[in-house]
Protein backbone atom coordinates (compact mmCIF):
# COMPACT_ATOMS: atom_id res chain seq x y z
CA MET A 1 -56.38 210.47 59.34
CA ILE A 2 -56.86 214.18 58.87
CA TRP A 3 -55.92 215.85 55.60
CA ARG A 4 -55.42 219.52 55.12
CA ALA A 5 -53.89 221.50 52.33
CA ILE A 6 -51.69 224.51 52.72
CA ALA A 7 -51.41 226.64 49.62
CA ARG A 8 -48.35 228.80 49.13
CA VAL A 9 -48.09 231.26 46.28
CA LYS A 10 -44.53 231.19 44.92
CA ASP A 11 -44.70 234.35 42.82
CA VAL A 12 -47.40 236.93 42.32
CA GLY A 13 -49.70 236.07 39.44
CA ALA A 14 -47.78 232.92 38.57
CA ARG A 15 -48.03 229.40 39.89
CA ALA A 16 -49.04 228.11 43.30
CA SER A 17 -47.93 224.92 44.95
CA VAL A 18 -49.99 222.90 47.36
CA ARG A 19 -48.31 220.97 50.15
CA CYS A 20 -50.46 218.33 51.77
CA VAL A 21 -49.70 217.34 55.32
CA SER A 22 -51.44 214.72 57.39
CA THR A 23 -51.77 213.27 60.87
CA THR A 24 -51.26 209.77 62.25
CA ARG A 25 -52.94 208.81 65.53
CA VAL A 26 -52.17 205.51 67.29
CA SER A 27 -52.72 204.19 70.78
CA ARG A 28 -51.48 201.28 72.84
CA HIS A 29 -52.34 199.86 76.25
CA LEU A 30 -49.15 199.15 78.19
CA LYS A 31 -49.05 196.86 81.22
CA ALA A 32 -46.76 199.22 83.11
CA PRO A 33 -47.17 202.28 85.34
CA ARG A 34 -47.15 205.73 83.74
CA GLU A 35 -43.85 206.54 85.48
CA SER A 36 -42.07 203.69 83.68
CA VAL A 37 -43.59 204.59 80.33
CA TYR A 38 -42.76 208.28 80.71
CA ARG A 39 -39.12 207.48 81.57
CA ALA A 40 -38.85 205.41 78.39
CA LEU A 41 -40.09 208.38 76.34
CA ILE A 42 -37.36 210.74 77.54
CA ASP A 43 -34.38 208.41 78.08
CA ALA A 44 -31.85 208.13 75.23
CA GLU A 45 -31.04 204.44 75.78
CA ALA A 46 -34.71 203.50 75.96
CA VAL A 47 -35.57 205.57 72.87
CA ALA A 48 -32.82 203.78 70.93
CA ARG A 49 -34.48 200.46 71.78
CA TRP A 50 -38.14 201.26 71.14
CA LYS A 51 -38.60 204.30 68.88
CA VAL A 52 -37.75 202.48 65.68
CA PRO A 53 -39.81 200.34 63.29
CA ALA A 54 -39.18 196.59 63.12
CA THR A 55 -37.10 196.72 59.92
CA MET A 56 -34.72 199.45 61.10
CA THR A 57 -31.92 200.13 63.58
CA CYS A 58 -31.83 203.29 65.71
CA HIS A 59 -28.74 205.37 66.49
CA VAL A 60 -29.08 208.28 68.93
CA HIS A 61 -26.43 210.89 68.06
CA SER A 62 -27.41 213.34 70.80
CA PHE A 63 -30.27 213.51 73.28
CA ASP A 64 -31.20 215.96 76.04
CA GLY A 65 -34.43 214.65 77.59
CA ARG A 66 -35.48 217.92 79.23
CA GLU A 67 -38.07 220.49 78.20
CA GLY A 68 -36.26 222.61 75.62
CA GLY A 69 -33.70 219.82 75.13
CA THR A 70 -32.71 218.75 71.64
CA PHE A 71 -31.96 215.43 70.00
CA ARG A 72 -30.67 213.96 66.74
CA ILE A 73 -31.51 210.41 65.69
CA SER A 74 -30.87 208.18 62.66
CA LEU A 75 -33.00 205.21 61.64
CA THR A 76 -31.21 202.87 59.23
CA TYR A 77 -33.00 200.22 57.19
CA ASP A 78 -31.87 196.65 57.83
CA GLU A 79 -32.58 195.58 54.23
CA PRO A 80 -29.81 196.66 51.83
CA ASP A 81 -32.29 197.56 49.07
CA ALA A 82 -34.50 199.83 51.23
CA VAL A 83 -34.29 203.52 50.36
CA GLY A 84 -33.91 206.12 53.09
CA LYS A 85 -35.47 209.56 53.16
CA THR A 86 -32.30 211.49 54.02
CA SER A 87 -29.53 209.28 52.60
CA ALA A 88 -29.17 205.96 50.78
CA HIS A 89 -30.54 203.74 53.59
CA THR A 90 -31.16 206.13 56.48
CA ASP A 91 -33.73 208.56 57.84
CA THR A 92 -32.04 211.16 60.06
CA TYR A 93 -34.03 213.70 62.00
CA HIS A 94 -33.48 216.26 64.70
CA GLY A 95 -35.88 217.83 67.13
CA ARG A 96 -36.63 219.36 70.47
CA PHE A 97 -38.88 218.72 73.44
CA VAL A 98 -41.36 221.60 73.57
CA LYS A 99 -43.44 220.41 76.52
CA LEU A 100 -42.89 217.76 79.18
CA VAL A 101 -45.39 217.04 81.93
CA PRO A 102 -43.93 214.23 84.04
CA ASN A 103 -45.87 210.97 83.73
CA GLU A 104 -48.55 212.64 81.54
CA LEU A 105 -47.34 214.31 78.36
CA VAL A 106 -44.42 214.56 75.93
CA VAL A 107 -44.59 217.02 73.04
CA GLU A 108 -41.72 217.13 70.59
CA VAL A 109 -41.10 218.80 67.25
CA ASP A 110 -39.11 216.77 64.71
CA GLU A 111 -37.75 217.53 61.24
CA LEU A 112 -36.15 215.21 58.70
CA GLU A 113 -32.68 216.32 57.57
CA THR A 114 -33.26 216.53 53.85
CA ASP A 115 -33.26 218.93 50.92
CA ASP A 116 -36.30 217.20 49.38
CA PRO A 117 -39.18 219.70 49.60
CA ASP A 118 -41.71 216.84 49.84
CA LEU A 119 -40.04 215.67 53.07
CA ARG A 120 -39.30 219.06 54.66
CA GLY A 121 -41.14 220.75 57.48
CA GLU A 122 -41.60 220.43 61.19
CA MET A 123 -43.74 217.62 62.56
CA THR A 124 -45.26 217.71 66.04
CA ILE A 125 -45.52 214.49 68.03
CA THR A 126 -47.73 214.49 71.12
CA MET A 127 -47.68 211.45 73.40
CA SER A 128 -50.29 211.45 76.18
CA LEU A 129 -50.30 208.99 79.08
CA THR A 130 -53.33 208.08 81.21
CA ASP A 131 -54.05 205.36 83.75
CA ALA A 132 -56.09 202.53 82.22
CA ASP A 133 -56.96 198.99 83.31
CA GLY A 134 -54.08 198.60 85.73
CA GLY A 135 -51.57 200.04 83.27
CA THR A 136 -51.08 203.00 80.96
CA GLU A 137 -52.87 204.09 77.80
CA LEU A 138 -50.47 205.86 75.45
CA VAL A 139 -51.95 207.96 72.65
CA ALA A 140 -49.48 209.26 70.06
CA VAL A 141 -50.48 211.93 67.56
CA HIS A 142 -47.96 212.63 64.79
CA ASP A 143 -49.09 215.87 63.15
CA GLY A 144 -47.69 217.60 60.09
CA LEU A 145 -46.42 214.61 58.12
CA PRO A 146 -44.93 216.02 54.91
CA SER A 147 -46.52 214.95 51.63
CA GLY A 148 -43.52 212.73 50.81
CA VAL A 149 -44.11 210.52 53.87
CA SER A 150 -46.56 207.66 53.45
CA VAL A 151 -49.32 207.90 56.06
CA ALA A 152 -49.82 204.13 55.95
CA ALA A 153 -46.10 203.42 56.42
CA ASN A 154 -45.93 205.98 59.24
CA GLU A 155 -48.80 204.27 61.05
CA VAL A 156 -47.17 200.85 60.63
CA GLY A 157 -43.89 202.27 61.94
CA TRP A 158 -45.64 203.72 64.98
CA ARG A 159 -47.44 200.45 65.73
CA GLU A 160 -44.17 198.50 65.45
CA SER A 161 -42.40 201.03 67.66
CA LEU A 162 -45.13 200.91 70.30
CA ALA A 163 -44.90 197.11 70.31
CA ARG A 164 -41.18 197.52 71.11
CA LEU A 165 -42.06 200.04 73.82
CA ALA A 166 -44.52 197.55 75.32
CA ALA A 167 -41.85 194.85 75.38
CA LEU A 168 -39.42 197.25 77.04
CA VAL A 169 -41.67 198.65 79.78
CA GLU A 170 -43.54 195.42 80.43
CA GLY A 171 -40.26 193.71 81.24
CA GLY A 172 -39.79 191.63 78.11
CA ALA A 173 -36.87 193.47 76.52
């Protein structure tokens, strides 16, 4: 985990606020060729099945899986008492694909749809694919997590999502 602070002065000679952002880095070996993994990263139906933590349901509102393409996705908690980041039980975000290198790299920029300053700001997600041990090594770096997002919960969510991705591309889901 990498921490960095960005100081912003709100008014001259008055107060300053500090916004801490952080990075989550996770990896997973997938028993599938890079081509299959890459397709699952840029296909709306596949994303709806894997890019969601275990305790949530994914709804893809819109999705254009091309470089420069945009998307909008909601993740809704399955438990009725869980609190969402953008509404009562839901985390909705939108984003765009800034760089796609077929079978190697997906870079996207996401932003939660919220008025909460602790949850605002663009986050960059970089997913790199390399050949490894007869399959694919996926490394995901989620940079720019706003201060209102738990780093530990984000890492758990990524690990759960990558387990779903493994099940999908390895033929189990």
